[in-house]
Full PDB file with SEQRES, HELIX, SHEET, SSBOND, CRYST1, ORIGX, SCALE, CONECT and MASTER records, all heavy atoms in Angstrom:
SEQRES   1 A   36  ASN LEU TYR PHE ALA GLU ASN GLY GLY LEU VAL ASN GLY          
SEQRES   2 A   36  ASN ASN PHE ASP ALA ALA GLY SER ASN PHE GLY GLN GLU          
SEQRES   3 A   36  SER ALA PHE THR ALA ARG ASN SER ASN ILE                      
HELIX    1 AA1 GLU A   26  ALA A   31  1                                   6    
CRYST1    1.000    1.000    1.000  90.00  90.00  90.00 P 1           1          
ORIGX1      1.000000  0.000000  0.000000        0.00000                         
ORIGX2      0.000000  1.000000  0.000000        0.00000                         
ORIGX3      0.000000  0.000000  1.000000        0.00000                         
SCALE1      1.000000  0.000000  0.000000        0.00000                         
SCALE2      0.000000  1.000000  0.000000        0.00000                         
SCALE3      0.000000  0.000000  1.000000        0.00000                         
ATOM      1  N   ASN A   1       0.813  -1.212   0.000  1.00  0.00           N  
ATOM      2  CA  ASN A   1       0.000   0.000   0.000  1.00  0.00           C  
ATOM      3  C   ASN A   1       0.854   1.272   0.000  1.00  0.00           C  
ATOM      4  O   ASN A   1       0.800   2.097   0.911  1.00  0.00           O  
ATOM      5  CB  ASN A   1      -0.957  -0.003   1.199  1.00  0.00           C  
ATOM      6  CG  ASN A   1      -2.002  -1.086   1.098  1.00  0.00           C  
ATOM      7  OD1 ASN A   1      -1.677  -2.270   1.060  1.00  0.00           O  
ATOM      8  ND2 ASN A   1      -3.269  -0.690   1.048  1.00  0.00           N  
ATOM      9  N   LEU A   2       1.621   1.422  -1.078  1.00  0.00           N  
ATOM     10  CA  LEU A   2       2.408   2.638  -1.280  1.00  0.00           C  
ATOM     11  C   LEU A   2       1.761   3.487  -2.369  1.00  0.00           C  
ATOM     12  O   LEU A   2       1.005   2.990  -3.203  1.00  0.00           O  
ATOM     13  CB  LEU A   2       3.846   2.296  -1.679  1.00  0.00           C  
ATOM     14  CG  LEU A   2       4.633   1.314  -0.809  1.00  0.00           C  
ATOM     15  CD1 LEU A   2       6.089   1.271  -1.259  1.00  0.00           C  
ATOM     16  CD2 LEU A   2       4.523   1.662   0.657  1.00  0.00           C  
ATOM     17  N   TYR A   3       2.108   4.771  -2.361  1.00  0.00           N  
ATOM     18  CA  TYR A   3       1.647   5.685  -3.405  1.00  0.00           C  
ATOM     19  C   TYR A   3       2.875   6.360  -4.007  1.00  0.00           C  
ATOM     20  O   TYR A   3       3.714   6.916  -3.280  1.00  0.00           O  
ATOM     21  CB  TYR A   3       0.694   6.738  -2.842  1.00  0.00           C  
ATOM     22  CG  TYR A   3       0.055   7.590  -3.927  1.00  0.00           C  
ATOM     23  CD1 TYR A   3      -1.129   7.196  -4.529  1.00  0.00           C  
ATOM     24  CD2 TYR A   3       0.662   8.780  -4.358  1.00  0.00           C  
ATOM     25  CE1 TYR A   3      -1.701   7.953  -5.539  1.00  0.00           C  
ATOM     26  CE2 TYR A   3       0.092   9.535  -5.366  1.00  0.00           C  
ATOM     27  CZ  TYR A   3      -1.088   9.120  -5.960  1.00  0.00           C  
ATOM     28  OH  TYR A   3      -1.654   9.870  -6.957  1.00  0.00           O  
ATOM     29  N   PHE A   4       2.974   6.318  -5.337  1.00  0.00           N  
ATOM     30  CA  PHE A   4       4.086   6.921  -6.063  1.00  0.00           C  
ATOM     31  C   PHE A   4       3.569   8.094  -6.893  1.00  0.00           C  
ATOM     32  O   PHE A   4       2.483   8.011  -7.495  1.00  0.00           O  
ATOM     33  CB  PHE A   4       4.735   5.922  -7.023  1.00  0.00           C  
ATOM     34  CG  PHE A   4       5.583   4.865  -6.374  1.00  0.00           C  
ATOM     35  CD1 PHE A   4       5.721   4.783  -4.997  1.00  0.00           C  
ATOM     36  CD2 PHE A   4       6.266   3.934  -7.153  1.00  0.00           C  
ATOM     37  CE1 PHE A   4       6.513   3.810  -4.405  1.00  0.00           C  
ATOM     38  CE2 PHE A   4       7.052   2.952  -6.585  1.00  0.00           C  
ATOM     39  CZ  PHE A   4       7.178   2.882  -5.205  1.00  0.00           C  
ATOM     40  N   ALA A   5       4.357   9.155  -6.961  1.00  0.00           N  
ATOM     41  CA  ALA A   5       3.998  10.289  -7.830  1.00  0.00           C  
ATOM     42  C   ALA A   5       5.265  11.005  -8.275  1.00  0.00           C  
ATOM     43  O   ALA A   5       6.201  11.178  -7.487  1.00  0.00           O  
ATOM     44  CB  ALA A   5       3.076  11.262  -7.096  1.00  0.00           C  
ATOM     45  N   GLU A   6       5.276  11.402  -9.533  1.00  0.00           N  
ATOM     46  CA  GLU A   6       6.312  12.283 -10.080  1.00  0.00           C  
ATOM     47  C   GLU A   6       7.720  11.693  -9.930  1.00  0.00           C  
ATOM     48  O   GLU A   6       8.703  12.420  -9.798  1.00  0.00           O  
ATOM     49  CB  GLU A   6       6.232  13.663  -9.413  1.00  0.00           C  
ATOM     50  CG  GLU A   6       6.777  14.796 -10.262  1.00  0.00           C  
ATOM     51  CD  GLU A   6       6.709  16.145  -9.580  1.00  0.00           C  
ATOM     52  OE1 GLU A   6       6.150  16.254  -8.465  1.00  0.00           O  
ATOM     53  OE2 GLU A   6       7.231  17.109 -10.167  1.00  0.00           O  
ATOM     54  N   ASN A   7       7.844  10.383  -9.972  1.00  0.00           N  
ATOM     55  CA  ASN A   7       9.159   9.747  -9.926  1.00  0.00           C  
ATOM     56  C   ASN A   7       9.687   9.491 -11.333  1.00  0.00           C  
ATOM     57  O   ASN A   7       8.929   9.443 -12.300  1.00  0.00           O  
ATOM     58  CB  ASN A   7       9.083   8.409  -9.176  1.00  0.00           C  
ATOM     59  CG  ASN A   7       8.730   8.579  -7.722  1.00  0.00           C  
ATOM     60  OD1 ASN A   7       9.339   9.379  -7.016  1.00  0.00           O  
ATOM     61  ND2 ASN A   7       7.747   7.816  -7.247  1.00  0.00           N  
ATOM     62  N   GLY A   8      10.992   9.303 -11.435  1.00  0.00           N  
ATOM     63  CA  GLY A   8      11.604   8.839 -12.674  1.00  0.00           C  
ATOM     64  C   GLY A   8      11.808   9.894 -13.731  1.00  0.00           C  
ATOM     65  O   GLY A   8      11.992   9.561 -14.905  1.00  0.00           O  
ATOM     66  N   GLY A   9      11.824  11.154 -13.344  1.00  0.00           N  
ATOM     67  CA  GLY A   9      12.003  12.209 -14.335  1.00  0.00           C  
ATOM     68  C   GLY A   9      13.326  12.142 -15.072  1.00  0.00           C  
ATOM     69  O   GLY A   9      13.446  12.654 -16.194  1.00  0.00           O  
ATOM     70  N   LEU A  10      14.310  11.474 -14.479  1.00  0.00           N  
ATOM     71  CA  LEU A  10      15.617  11.344 -15.125  1.00  0.00           C  
ATOM     72  C   LEU A  10      15.773  10.025 -15.874  1.00  0.00           C  
ATOM     73  O   LEU A  10      16.793   9.800 -16.527  1.00  0.00           O  
ATOM     74  CB  LEU A  10      16.729  11.462 -14.078  1.00  0.00           C  
ATOM     75  CG  LEU A  10      16.785  12.777 -13.298  1.00  0.00           C  
ATOM     76  CD1 LEU A  10      17.854  12.700 -12.213  1.00  0.00           C  
ATOM     77  CD2 LEU A  10      17.051  13.949 -14.226  1.00  0.00           C  
ATOM     78  N   VAL A  11      14.774   9.143 -15.778  1.00  0.00           N  
ATOM     79  CA  VAL A  11      14.877   7.816 -16.411  1.00  0.00           C  
ATOM     80  C   VAL A  11      13.568   7.469 -17.114  1.00  0.00           C  
ATOM     81  O   VAL A  11      12.972   6.405 -16.898  1.00  0.00           O  
ATOM     82  CB  VAL A  11      15.250   6.735 -15.372  1.00  0.00           C  
ATOM     83  CG1 VAL A  11      16.699   6.856 -14.946  1.00  0.00           C  
ATOM     84  CG2 VAL A  11      14.324   6.811 -14.151  1.00  0.00           C  
ATOM     85  N   ASN A  12      13.113   8.384 -17.934  1.00  0.00           N  
ATOM     86  CA  ASN A  12      11.933   8.149 -18.766  1.00  0.00           C  
ATOM     87  C   ASN A  12      10.672   7.846 -17.962  1.00  0.00           C  
ATOM     88  O   ASN A  12       9.812   7.069 -18.395  1.00  0.00           O  
ATOM     89  CB  ASN A  12      12.197   7.007 -19.757  1.00  0.00           C  
ATOM     90  CG  ASN A  12      13.351   7.298 -20.687  1.00  0.00           C  
ATOM     91  OD1 ASN A  12      13.469   8.412 -21.206  1.00  0.00           O  
ATOM     92  ND2 ASN A  12      14.229   6.318 -20.882  1.00  0.00           N  
ATOM     93  N   GLY A  13      10.582   8.435 -16.796  1.00  0.00           N  
ATOM     94  CA  GLY A  13       9.372   8.289 -16.011  1.00  0.00           C  
ATOM     95  C   GLY A  13       9.222   6.963 -15.307  1.00  0.00           C  
ATOM     96  O   GLY A  13       8.128   6.628 -14.818  1.00  0.00           O  
ATOM     97  N   ASN A  14      10.284   6.181 -15.190  1.00  0.00           N  
ATOM     98  CA  ASN A  14      10.187   4.871 -14.559  1.00  0.00           C  
ATOM     99  C   ASN A  14      10.092   5.001 -13.040  1.00  0.00           C  
ATOM    100  O   ASN A  14      10.974   5.581 -12.401  1.00  0.00           O  
ATOM    101  CB  ASN A  14      11.394   3.999 -14.900  1.00  0.00           C  
ATOM    102  CG  ASN A  14      11.353   3.505 -16.332  1.00  0.00           C  
ATOM    103  OD1 ASN A  14      10.282   3.432 -16.937  1.00  0.00           O  
ATOM    104  ND2 ASN A  14      12.509   3.167 -16.879  1.00  0.00           N  
ATOM    105  N   ASN A  15       9.034   4.451 -12.456  1.00  0.00           N  
ATOM    106  CA  ASN A  15       8.910   4.365 -11.010  1.00  0.00           C  
ATOM    107  C   ASN A  15       9.611   3.133 -10.458  1.00  0.00           C  
ATOM    108  O   ASN A  15       9.950   3.085  -9.274  1.00  0.00           O  
ATOM    109  CB  ASN A  15       7.434   4.286 -10.618  1.00  0.00           C  
ATOM    110  CG  ASN A  15       6.753   5.631 -10.678  1.00  0.00           C  
ATOM    111  OD1 ASN A  15       6.840   6.425  -9.759  1.00  0.00           O  
ATOM    112  ND2 ASN A  15       6.059   5.888 -11.788  1.00  0.00           N  
ATOM    113  N   PHE A  16       9.822   2.118 -11.347  1.00  0.00           N  
ATOM    114  CA  PHE A  16      10.357   0.826 -10.945  1.00  0.00           C  
ATOM    115  C   PHE A  16      11.621   0.534 -11.751  1.00  0.00           C  
ATOM    116  O   PHE A  16      12.002   1.289 -12.650  1.00  0.00           O  
ATOM    117  CB  PHE A  16       9.312  -0.269 -11.187  1.00  0.00           C  
ATOM    118  CG  PHE A  16       8.002  -0.015 -10.496  1.00  0.00           C  
ATOM    119  CD1 PHE A  16       6.978   0.694 -11.133  1.00  0.00           C  
ATOM    120  CD2 PHE A  16       7.772  -0.478  -9.213  1.00  0.00           C  
ATOM    121  CE1 PHE A  16       5.774   0.922 -10.506  1.00  0.00           C  
ATOM    122  CE2 PHE A  16       6.557  -0.248  -8.565  1.00  0.00           C  
ATOM    123  CZ  PHE A  16       5.565   0.460  -9.202  1.00  0.00           C  
ATOM    124  N   ASP A  17      12.278  -0.575 -11.420  1.00  0.00           N  
ATOM    125  CA  ASP A  17      13.412  -1.001 -12.232  1.00  0.00           C  
ATOM    126  C   ASP A  17      12.948  -1.299 -13.653  1.00  0.00           C  
ATOM    127  O   ASP A  17      11.878  -1.908 -13.873  1.00  0.00           O  
ATOM    128  CB  ASP A  17      14.050  -2.268 -11.641  1.00  0.00           C  
ATOM    129  CG  ASP A  17      14.834  -1.989 -10.364  1.00  0.00           C  
ATOM    130  OD1 ASP A  17      15.377  -0.875 -10.230  1.00  0.00           O  
ATOM    131  OD2 ASP A  17      14.908  -2.893  -9.504  1.00  0.00           O  
ATOM    132  N   ALA A  18      13.753  -0.867 -14.607  1.00  0.00           N  
ATOM    133  CA  ALA A  18      13.420  -1.129 -16.011  1.00  0.00           C  
ATOM    134  C   ALA A  18      13.556  -2.619 -16.302  1.00  0.00           C  
ATOM    135  O   ALA A  18      14.277  -3.354 -15.618  1.00  0.00           O  
ATOM    136  CB  ALA A  18      14.346  -0.327 -16.915  1.00  0.00           C  
ATOM    137  N   ALA A  19      12.866  -3.072 -17.311  1.00  0.00           N  
ATOM    138  CA  ALA A  19      12.933  -4.476 -17.721  1.00  0.00           C  
ATOM    139  C   ALA A  19      14.380  -4.859 -17.998  1.00  0.00           C  
ATOM    140  O   ALA A  19      15.113  -4.132 -18.674  1.00  0.00           O  
ATOM    141  CB  ALA A  19      12.071  -4.707 -18.959  1.00  0.00           C  
ATOM    142  N   GLY A  20      14.786  -6.000 -17.446  1.00  0.00           N  
ATOM    143  CA  GLY A  20      16.138  -6.477 -17.672  1.00  0.00           C  
ATOM    144  C   GLY A  20      17.171  -5.852 -16.758  1.00  0.00           C  
ATOM    145  O   GLY A  20      18.356  -6.155 -16.865  1.00  0.00           O  
ATOM    146  N   SER A  21      16.731  -4.976 -15.852  1.00  0.00           N  
ATOM    147  CA  SER A  21      17.663  -4.304 -14.943  1.00  0.00           C  
ATOM    148  C   SER A  21      17.221  -4.550 -13.506  1.00  0.00           C  
ATOM    149  O   SER A  21      16.114  -4.175 -13.117  1.00  0.00           O  
ATOM    150  CB  SER A  21      17.681  -2.795 -15.226  1.00  0.00           C  
ATOM    151  OG  SER A  21      18.428  -2.112 -14.249  1.00  0.00           O  
ATOM    152  N   ASN A  22      18.062  -5.205 -12.726  1.00  0.00           N  
ATOM    153  CA  ASN A  22      17.748  -5.487 -11.318  1.00  0.00           C  
ATOM    154  C   ASN A  22      16.489  -6.358 -11.220  1.00  0.00           C  
ATOM    155  O   ASN A  22      16.161  -7.102 -12.147  1.00  0.00           O  
ATOM    156  CB  ASN A  22      17.616  -4.191 -10.525  1.00  0.00           C  
ATOM    157  CG  ASN A  22      18.873  -3.340 -10.595  1.00  0.00           C  
ATOM    158  OD1 ASN A  22      19.979  -3.866 -10.549  1.00  0.00           O  
ATOM    159  ND2 ASN A  22      18.697  -2.034 -10.710  1.00  0.00           N  
ATOM    160  N   PHE A  23      15.740  -6.239 -10.117  1.00  0.00           N  
ATOM    161  CA  PHE A  23      14.640  -7.183  -9.876  1.00  0.00           C  
ATOM    162  C   PHE A  23      13.352  -6.491  -9.426  1.00  0.00           C  
ATOM    163  O   PHE A  23      12.398  -7.174  -9.053  1.00  0.00           O  
ATOM    164  CB  PHE A  23      15.060  -8.205  -8.812  1.00  0.00           C  
ATOM    165  CG  PHE A  23      16.211  -9.071  -9.244  1.00  0.00           C  
ATOM    166  CD1 PHE A  23      17.516  -8.643  -9.076  1.00  0.00           C  
ATOM    167  CD2 PHE A  23      15.982 -10.299  -9.836  1.00  0.00           C  
ATOM    168  CE1 PHE A  23      18.581  -9.438  -9.483  1.00  0.00           C  
ATOM    169  CE2 PHE A  23      17.035 -11.098 -10.243  1.00  0.00           C  
ATOM    170  CZ  PHE A  23      18.358 -10.663 -10.077  1.00  0.00           C  
ATOM    171  N   GLY A  24      13.303  -5.172  -9.482  1.00  0.00           N  
ATOM    172  CA  GLY A  24      12.146  -4.468  -8.957  1.00  0.00           C  
ATOM    173  C   GLY A  24      11.230  -3.911 -10.022  1.00  0.00           C  
ATOM    174  O   GLY A  24      10.839  -2.731  -9.961  1.00  0.00           O  
ATOM    175  N   GLN A  25      10.872  -4.741 -11.000  1.00  0.00           N  
ATOM    176  CA  GLN A  25       9.956  -4.286 -12.038  1.00  0.00           C  
ATOM    177  C   GLN A  25       8.532  -4.175 -11.465  1.00  0.00           C  
ATOM    178  O   GLN A  25       8.180  -4.834 -10.491  1.00  0.00           O  
ATOM    179  CB  GLN A  25       9.951  -5.246 -13.232  1.00  0.00           C  
ATOM    180  CG  GLN A  25      11.228  -5.214 -14.058  1.00  0.00           C  
ATOM    181  CD  GLN A  25      12.398  -5.923 -13.392  1.00  0.00           C  
ATOM    182  OE1 GLN A  25      12.194  -6.910 -12.690  1.00  0.00           O  
ATOM    183  NE2 GLN A  25      13.613  -5.421 -13.592  1.00  0.00           N  
ATOM    184  N   GLU A  26       7.728  -3.348 -12.097  1.00  0.00           N  
ATOM    185  CA  GLU A  26       6.352  -3.165 -11.633  1.00  0.00           C  
ATOM    186  C   GLU A  26       5.606  -4.496 -11.598  1.00  0.00           C  
ATOM    187  O   GLU A  26       4.828  -4.760 -10.657  1.00  0.00           O  
ATOM    188  CB  GLU A  26       5.628  -2.162 -12.517  1.00  0.00           C  
ATOM    189  CG  GLU A  26       4.215  -1.842 -12.036  1.00  0.00           C  
ATOM    190  CD  GLU A  26       3.561  -0.726 -12.822  1.00  0.00           C  
ATOM    191  OE1 GLU A  26       4.109  -0.326 -13.880  1.00  0.00           O  
ATOM    192  OE2 GLU A  26       2.496  -0.239 -12.387  1.00  0.00           O  
ATOM    193  N   SER A  27       5.849  -5.320 -12.572  1.00  0.00           N  
ATOM    194  CA  SER A  27       5.150  -6.611 -12.631  1.00  0.00           C  
ATOM    195  C   SER A  27       5.487  -7.484 -11.433  1.00  0.00           C  
ATOM    196  O   SER A  27       4.641  -8.255 -10.955  1.00  0.00           O  
ATOM    197  CB  SER A  27       5.511  -7.342 -13.931  1.00  0.00           C  
ATOM    198  OG  SER A  27       6.928  -7.548 -14.005  1.00  0.00           O  
ATOM    199  N   ALA A  28       6.720  -7.377 -10.944  1.00  0.00           N  
ATOM    200  CA  ALA A  28       7.109  -8.178  -9.782  1.00  0.00           C  
ATOM    201  C   ALA A  28       6.324  -7.752  -8.546  1.00  0.00           C  
ATOM    202  O   ALA A  28       5.875  -8.598  -7.755  1.00  0.00           O  
ATOM    203  CB  ALA A  28       8.606  -8.029  -9.538  1.00  0.00           C  
ATOM    204  N   PHE A  29       6.129  -6.460  -8.367  1.00  0.00           N  
ATOM    205  CA  PHE A  29       5.365  -5.982  -7.217  1.00  0.00           C  
ATOM    206  C   PHE A  29       3.884  -6.304  -7.361  1.00  0.00           C  
ATOM    207  O   PHE A  29       3.207  -6.636  -6.381  1.00  0.00           O  
ATOM    208  CB  PHE A  29       5.575  -4.474  -7.040  1.00  0.00           C  
ATOM    209  CG  PHE A  29       6.940  -4.126  -6.525  1.00  0.00           C  
ATOM    210  CD1 PHE A  29       7.920  -3.678  -7.386  1.00  0.00           C  
ATOM    211  CD2 PHE A  29       7.247  -4.259  -5.178  1.00  0.00           C  
ATOM    212  CE1 PHE A  29       9.193  -3.364  -6.920  1.00  0.00           C  
ATOM    213  CE2 PHE A  29       8.505  -3.949  -4.694  1.00  0.00           C  
ATOM    214  CZ  PHE A  29       9.494  -3.508  -5.565  1.00  0.00           C  
ATOM    215  N   THR A  30       3.392  -6.258  -8.585  1.00  0.00           N  
ATOM    216  CA  THR A  30       2.001  -6.635  -8.818  1.00  0.00           C  
ATOM    217  C   THR A  30       1.782  -8.102  -8.471  1.00  0.00           C  
ATOM    218  O   THR A  30       0.785  -8.469  -7.834  1.00  0.00           O  
ATOM    219  CB  THR A  30       1.615  -6.355 -10.273  1.00  0.00           C  
ATOM    220  OG1 THR A  30       1.783  -4.960 -10.550  1.00  0.00           O  
ATOM    221  CG2 THR A  30       0.171  -6.757 -10.541  1.00  0.00           C  
ATOM    222  N   ALA A  31       2.736  -8.936  -8.865  1.00  0.00           N  
ATOM    223  CA  ALA A  31       2.616 -10.369  -8.602  1.00  0.00           C  
ATOM    224  C   ALA A  31       2.632 -10.674  -7.110  1.00  0.00           C  
ATOM    225  O   ALA A  31       2.051 -11.683  -6.677  1.00  0.00           O  
ATOM    226  CB  ALA A  31       3.744 -11.126  -9.306  1.00  0.00           C  
ATOM    227  N   ARG A  32       3.266  -9.830  -6.327  1.00  0.00           N  
ATOM    228  CA  ARG A  32       3.350 -10.056  -4.881  1.00  0.00           C  
ATOM    229  C   ARG A  32       2.283  -9.269  -4.131  1.00  0.00           C  
ATOM    230  O   ARG A  32       2.339  -9.153  -2.911  1.00  0.00           O  
ATOM    231  CB  ARG A  32       4.735  -9.651  -4.358  1.00  0.00           C  
ATOM    232  CG  ARG A  32       5.915 -10.337  -5.023  1.00  0.00           C  
ATOM    233  CD  ARG A  32       5.843 -11.838  -4.975  1.00  0.00           C  
ATOM    234  NE  ARG A  32       5.784 -12.348  -3.604  1.00  0.00           N  
ATOM    235  CZ  ARG A  32       5.478 -13.595  -3.288  1.00  0.00           C  
ATOM    236  NH1 ARG A  32       5.162 -14.460  -4.247  1.00  0.00           N  
ATOM    237  NH2 ARG A  32       5.464 -13.981  -2.042  1.00  0.00           N  
ATOM    238  N   ASN A  33       1.281  -8.759  -4.858  1.00  0.00           N  
ATOM    239  CA  ASN A  33       0.154  -8.031  -4.236  1.00  0.00           C  
ATOM    240  C   ASN A  33       0.625  -6.856  -3.378  1.00  0.00           C  
ATOM    241  O   ASN A  33       0.115  -6.623  -2.277  1.00  0.00           O  
ATOM    242  CB  ASN A  33      -0.692  -8.988  -3.384  1.00  0.00           C  
ATOM    243  CG  ASN A  33      -1.321 -10.086  -4.198  1.00  0.00           C  
ATOM    244  OD1 ASN A  33      -1.873  -9.839  -5.274  1.00  0.00           O  
ATOM    245  ND2 ASN A  33      -1.220 -11.324  -3.710  1.00  0.00           N  
ATOM    246  N   SER A  34       1.573  -6.108  -3.904  1.00  0.00           N  
ATOM    247  CA  SER A  34       2.130  -4.990  -3.141  1.00  0.00           C  
ATOM    248  C   SER A  34       1.197  -3.789  -3.082  1.00  0.00           C  
ATOM    249  O   SER A  34       1.335  -2.934  -2.200  1.00  0.00           O  
ATOM    250  CB  SER A  34       3.476  -4.570  -3.745  1.00  0.00           C  
ATOM    251  OG  SER A  34       4.432  -5.589  -3.568  1.00  0.00           O  
ATOM    252  N   ASN A  35       0.272  -3.700  -4.014  1.00  0.00           N  
ATOM    253  CA  ASN A  35      -0.700  -2.599  -4.032  1.00  0.00           C  
ATOM    254  C   ASN A  35       0.003  -1.234  -4.028  1.00  0.00           C  
ATOM    255  O   ASN A  35      -0.255  -0.385  -3.186  1.00  0.00           O  
ATOM    256  CB  ASN A  35      -1.670  -2.705  -2.854  1.00  0.00           C  
ATOM    257  CG  ASN A  35      -2.871  -1.771  -2.998  1.00  0.00           C  
ATOM    258  OD1 ASN A  35      -3.213  -1.352  -4.103  1.00  0.00           O  
ATOM    259  ND2 ASN A  35      -3.484  -1.412  -1.881  1.00  0.00           N  
ATOM    260  N   ILE A  36       0.880  -1.052  -4.998  1.00  0.00           N  
ATOM    261  CA  ILE A  36       1.522   0.241  -5.201  1.00  0.00           C  
ATOM    262  C   ILE A  36       0.719   1.005  -6.248  1.00  0.00           C  
ATOM    263  O   ILE A  36       0.569   0.547  -7.377  1.00  0.00           O  
ATOM    264  CB  ILE A  36       2.988   0.094  -5.661  1.00  0.00           C  
ATOM    265  CG1 ILE A  36       3.804  -0.649  -4.601  1.00  0.00           C  
ATOM    266  CG2 ILE A  36       3.594   1.462  -5.955  1.00  0.00           C  
ATOM    267  CD1 ILE A  36       5.227  -0.949  -5.035  1.00  0.00           C  
TER     268      ILE A  36                                                      
MASTER        0    0    0    1    0    0    0    6  267    1    0    3          
END                                                                             
C-alpha cells in the first residue's frame, strides 16, 4: 500500500526497475500483491 507520484524524471518516467535491470519491475510488485 504505497503511493508513487512524479518519480523517474531522469529515467523516462520509470517508477520501478526497467525491464532487464535489477529485480524491482512493476510486474514483480504486482505479482506479490504490493498494491503500489
